[in-house]
Amino acid sequence: MTTYKGYTQAELKSAFDKIADPSDWKNPISAEMAGEEVTMAMAAIEFFTATTAEVAIDTTATRYTLTSPGYRMGPSGP
């Protein structure tokens, strides 16, 4: 089985499904999460959209926000 950044495609799909727009996965992404989810979510965004997520942290709540232009606006989009 092949992996991307140490995660299987099934793991990446599960992570991506949690943060992608359910009406159209190619849309931009903005998702808030706990720190332990960030690394896999970033790998999932790269794998499925060919973009690199930006990460912001809310230090008072210890929550991270990942944003990405999404597949459509990335280098692989139409």
N, C-alpha and C. Protein backbone atom coordinates (compact mmCIF):
# COMPACT_ATOMS: atom_id res chain seq x y z
N MET A 1 0.84 -1.18 0.00
CA MET A 1 0.00 0.00 0.00
C MET A 1 0.89 1.24 0.00
N THR A 2 0.56 2.19 -0.85
CA THR A 2 1.35 3.41 -0.90
C THR A 2 0.84 4.41 0.13
N THR A 3 1.71 5.31 0.52
CA THR A 3 1.35 6.34 1.49
C THR A 3 1.81 7.70 0.99
N TYR A 4 1.25 8.73 1.55
CA TYR A 4 1.68 10.11 1.29
C TYR A 4 1.97 10.73 2.64
N LYS A 5 3.22 11.13 2.83
CA LYS A 5 3.67 11.73 4.09
C LYS A 5 3.33 10.85 5.30
N GLY A 6 3.37 9.53 5.08
CA GLY A 6 3.15 8.58 6.16
C GLY A 6 1.71 8.18 6.39
N TYR A 7 0.78 8.71 5.60
CA TYR A 7 -0.65 8.40 5.75
C TYR A 7 -1.15 7.62 4.55
N THR A 8 -2.05 6.67 4.80
CA THR A 8 -2.65 5.93 3.69
C THR A 8 -3.67 6.82 3.00
N GLN A 9 -4.06 6.43 1.79
CA GLN A 9 -5.06 7.20 1.07
C GLN A 9 -6.39 7.21 1.83
N ALA A 10 -6.72 6.11 2.48
CA ALA A 10 -7.96 6.05 3.27
C ALA A 10 -7.91 7.04 4.44
N GLU A 11 -6.77 7.13 5.11
CA GLU A 11 -6.63 8.09 6.21
C GLU A 11 -6.74 9.53 5.71
N LEU A 12 -6.10 9.79 4.57
CA LEU A 12 -6.15 11.13 4.00
C LEU A 12 -7.58 11.49 3.57
N LYS A 13 -8.28 10.54 2.98
CA LYS A 13 -9.66 10.79 2.54
C LYS A 13 -10.55 11.08 3.74
N SER A 14 -10.39 10.35 4.81
CA SER A 14 -11.17 10.57 6.01
C SER A 14 -10.92 11.97 6.57
N ALA A 15 -9.65 12.37 6.63
CA ALA A 15 -9.30 13.70 7.12
C ALA A 15 -9.83 14.79 6.19
N PHE A 16 -9.70 14.57 4.88
CA PHE A 16 -10.15 15.56 3.90
C PHE A 16 -11.67 15.72 3.93
N ASP A 17 -12.38 14.63 4.08
CA ASP A 17 -13.84 14.68 4.12
C ASP A 17 -14.35 15.52 5.30
N LYS A 18 -13.57 15.61 6.36
CA LYS A 18 -13.96 16.40 7.53
C LYS A 18 -13.82 17.90 7.28
N ILE A 19 -12.94 18.29 6.36
CA ILE A 19 -12.65 19.71 6.18
C ILE A 19 -13.09 20.28 4.83
N ALA A 20 -13.34 19.42 3.86
CA ALA A 20 -13.75 19.88 2.54
C ALA A 20 -15.20 20.34 2.55
N ASP A 21 -15.53 21.24 1.63
CA ASP A 21 -16.91 21.70 1.47
C ASP A 21 -17.74 20.52 0.97
N PRO A 22 -18.76 20.11 1.72
CA PRO A 22 -19.54 18.93 1.31
C PRO A 22 -20.33 19.14 0.01
N SER A 23 -20.57 20.39 -0.36
CA SER A 23 -21.31 20.64 -1.61
C SER A 23 -20.41 20.57 -2.83
N ASP A 24 -19.10 20.80 -2.64
CA ASP A 24 -18.14 20.73 -3.75
C ASP A 24 -16.73 20.69 -3.18
N TRP A 25 -16.10 19.56 -3.22
CA TRP A 25 -14.78 19.37 -2.61
C TRP A 25 -13.71 20.25 -3.25
N LYS A 26 -13.97 20.81 -4.43
CA LYS A 26 -12.98 21.65 -5.11
C LYS A 26 -12.98 23.09 -4.61
N ASN A 27 -13.94 23.46 -3.76
CA ASN A 27 -14.03 24.82 -3.23
C ASN A 27 -12.90 25.12 -2.26
N PRO A 28 -12.68 26.40 -1.94
CA PRO A 28 -11.69 26.76 -0.92
C PRO A 28 -12.00 26.08 0.41
N ILE A 29 -10.96 25.94 1.21
CA ILE A 29 -11.08 25.25 2.50
C ILE A 29 -10.75 26.23 3.62
N SER A 30 -11.56 26.20 4.66
CA SER A 30 -11.29 26.91 5.90
C SER A 30 -11.82 26.01 7.00
N ALA A 31 -10.93 25.51 7.83
CA ALA A 31 -11.33 24.55 8.86
C ALA A 31 -10.60 24.81 10.16
N GLU A 32 -11.32 24.71 11.26
CA GLU A 32 -10.75 24.87 12.58
C GLU A 32 -10.61 23.50 13.23
N MET A 33 -9.50 23.30 13.92
CA MET A 33 -9.25 21.98 14.53
C MET A 33 -8.26 22.06 15.67
N ALA A 34 -8.17 20.96 16.38
CA ALA A 34 -7.18 20.81 17.46
C ALA A 34 -5.80 20.53 16.85
N GLY A 35 -4.78 20.79 17.62
CA GLY A 35 -3.42 20.64 17.14
C GLY A 35 -3.05 19.26 16.63
N GLU A 36 -3.60 18.22 17.26
CA GLU A 36 -3.23 16.86 16.85
C GLU A 36 -3.78 16.48 15.48
N GLU A 37 -4.71 17.27 14.95
CA GLU A 37 -5.29 16.99 13.64
C GLU A 37 -4.60 17.73 12.49
N VAL A 38 -3.78 18.71 12.82
CA VAL A 38 -3.22 19.62 11.82
C VAL A 38 -2.33 18.92 10.80
N THR A 39 -1.40 18.11 11.24
CA THR A 39 -0.44 17.49 10.33
C THR A 39 -1.13 16.62 9.28
N MET A 40 -2.07 15.79 9.70
CA MET A 40 -2.77 14.94 8.74
C MET A 40 -3.66 15.78 7.82
N ALA A 41 -4.32 16.79 8.36
CA ALA A 41 -5.18 17.65 7.55
C ALA A 41 -4.36 18.38 6.48
N MET A 42 -3.18 18.86 6.85
CA MET A 42 -2.32 19.53 5.87
C MET A 42 -1.90 18.56 4.77
N ALA A 43 -1.55 17.34 5.14
CA ALA A 43 -1.18 16.33 4.14
C ALA A 43 -2.37 16.02 3.23
N ALA A 44 -3.56 15.94 3.79
CA ALA A 44 -4.77 15.65 3.00
C ALA A 44 -5.05 16.78 2.01
N ILE A 45 -4.91 18.02 2.46
CA ILE A 45 -5.11 19.16 1.56
C ILE A 45 -4.11 19.12 0.41
N GLU A 46 -2.85 18.86 0.71
CA GLU A 46 -1.83 18.77 -0.34
C GLU A 46 -2.15 17.63 -1.31
N PHE A 47 -2.53 16.49 -0.78
CA PHE A 47 -2.78 15.31 -1.60
C PHE A 47 -3.96 15.52 -2.54
N PHE A 48 -5.05 16.08 -2.03
CA PHE A 48 -6.27 16.18 -2.84
C PHE A 48 -6.40 17.48 -3.62
N THR A 49 -5.71 18.56 -3.21
CA THR A 49 -5.89 19.83 -3.92
C THR A 49 -4.63 20.34 -4.60
N ALA A 50 -3.49 19.76 -4.31
CA ALA A 50 -2.20 20.22 -4.84
C ALA A 50 -1.89 21.64 -4.39
N THR A 51 -2.41 22.03 -3.22
CA THR A 51 -2.11 23.33 -2.64
C THR A 51 -1.54 23.13 -1.24
N THR A 52 -0.91 24.16 -0.73
CA THR A 52 -0.37 24.12 0.62
C THR A 52 -1.26 24.97 1.52
N ALA A 53 -1.70 24.39 2.60
CA ALA A 53 -2.57 25.11 3.54
C ALA A 53 -1.78 26.12 4.34
N GLU A 54 -2.44 27.22 4.66
CA GLU A 54 -1.89 28.18 5.61
C GLU A 54 -2.48 27.86 6.97
N VAL A 55 -1.67 28.03 8.01
CA VAL A 55 -2.10 27.69 9.36
C VAL A 55 -2.03 28.93 10.25
N ALA A 56 -3.13 29.17 10.95
CA ALA A 56 -3.16 30.24 11.96
C ALA A 56 -3.55 29.58 13.28
N ILE A 57 -3.04 30.14 14.37
CA ILE A 57 -3.36 29.57 15.68
C ILE A 57 -4.01 30.63 16.56
N ASP A 58 -5.05 30.22 17.24
CA ASP A 58 -5.69 31.04 18.27
C ASP A 58 -5.10 30.56 19.58
N THR A 59 -4.17 31.30 20.12
CA THR A 59 -3.46 30.86 21.32
C THR A 59 -4.33 30.86 22.57
N THR A 60 -5.39 31.64 22.57
CA THR A 60 -6.26 31.64 23.76
C THR A 60 -7.11 30.39 23.82
N ALA A 61 -7.48 29.86 22.67
CA ALA A 61 -8.31 28.64 22.63
C ALA A 61 -7.51 27.41 22.22
N THR A 62 -6.25 27.60 21.86
CA THR A 62 -5.40 26.52 21.35
C THR A 62 -6.10 25.76 20.22
N ARG A 63 -6.60 26.51 19.26
CA ARG A 63 -7.25 25.95 18.07
C ARG A 63 -6.50 26.46 16.85
N TYR A 64 -6.44 25.63 15.85
CA TYR A 64 -5.75 25.97 14.61
C TYR A 64 -6.77 26.14 13.50
N THR A 65 -6.53 27.09 12.60
CA THR A 65 -7.37 27.28 11.44
C THR A 65 -6.51 27.05 10.20
N LEU A 66 -6.94 26.13 9.36
CA LEU A 66 -6.26 25.85 8.10
C LEU A 66 -7.08 26.45 6.97
N THR A 67 -6.42 27.14 6.06
CA THR A 67 -7.09 27.67 4.88
C THR A 67 -6.31 27.27 3.64
N SER A 68 -7.05 27.07 2.57
CA SER A 68 -6.46 26.69 1.30
C SER A 68 -7.35 27.23 0.19
N PRO A 69 -6.77 27.61 -0.95
CA PRO A 69 -7.60 28.08 -2.06
C PRO A 69 -8.43 26.96 -2.67
N GLY A 70 -8.13 25.71 -2.33
CA GLY A 70 -8.87 24.58 -2.85
C GLY A 70 -8.37 24.13 -4.23
N TYR A 71 -8.86 23.01 -4.66
CA TYR A 71 -8.42 22.41 -5.92
C TYR A 71 -8.67 23.32 -7.11
N ARG A 72 -9.88 23.86 -7.19
CA ARG A 72 -10.28 24.66 -8.35
C ARG A 72 -9.36 25.87 -8.54
N MET A 73 -8.94 26.52 -7.47
CA MET A 73 -8.11 27.71 -7.56
C MET A 73 -6.62 27.40 -7.46
N GLY A 74 -6.29 26.13 -7.27
CA GLY A 74 -4.89 25.72 -7.18
C GLY A 74 -4.28 25.44 -8.54
N PRO A 75 -3.04 24.99 -8.56
CA PRO A 75 -2.33 24.75 -9.82
C PRO A 75 -2.89 23.61 -10.66
N SER A 76 -3.63 22.70 -10.06
CA SER A 76 -4.19 21.55 -10.81
C SER A 76 -5.62 21.78 -11.27
N GLY A 77 -6.25 22.84 -10.80
CA GLY A 77 -7.65 23.09 -11.12
C GLY A 77 -7.85 23.53 -12.56
N PRO A 78 -9.11 23.48 -12.97
CA PRO A 78 -9.43 23.87 -14.35
C PRO A 78 -9.24 25.35 -14.60
